[in-house]
Amino acid sequence: MRIELVTIVVDEYDPAIEFFTRALGFELVEDSPSVTNDGRPKRWVVLRPPGAQTGILLARADGERQAASVGRQVADRVGFFLRVDDFDAAYRRMREFGVEFVSAPRTEPYGRVVVFRDIAGNRWDLLGPRLTRPTTGRTGPSPAPRRVAASRAWTGAVRRARRAPAGCTGRRPSRRAVVP
């Protein structure tokens, strides 16, 4: 299983195609005529970063509600993350194209990062290579092995109880002598 496409709602197809291919270096995978559910013409436009499996589907805003969501698909938060092998080259190419940057580049444990807006106004993170191994944020050992061990012990006790003869508690008799 994998996520193949995410949709980005745009005002117009062609300027968005130019932005994603020229500014970000995406490949145009498909641009086919299609129709809406009610039979009106539209285009099926898929772009993908080189070597990626997940791509974006550009959808032209259809109606007032969709037009109002252009640029605010994730409530003005960073909603898309583009990781690149050469941060400086990608940042330079994007600046030369005139991409709007929301912040200055900074270094985080997950790599160099800068926030930018796409042609529709959605916020993205441009991420360089990871600087450290990803962590869960927890300290100490993972609780998962303890849960697995407890689950196995409980399952074993239930199985033994089901196999035990009626009236048996499942416990071994005490070896201690009973003194009156």
Foldseek 3Di string as FASTA:
>chain_A
DDAQEAEAEAQDDPVQVCQCCQLQVKDWPDWAWDADPVGHIDIFTWIGHPPDRHIYTYHYQDDDVSLVCQQCVPPQDADAEAEDADLVVSVVSNVVVPWAWPDDWDADQQAIWTWTAGPRNHIYIYGYHHPDDDDPPDDDDDCVVVVVVVVVVVVVVVVQVVPDDPPDPSDDDDPDDDDD
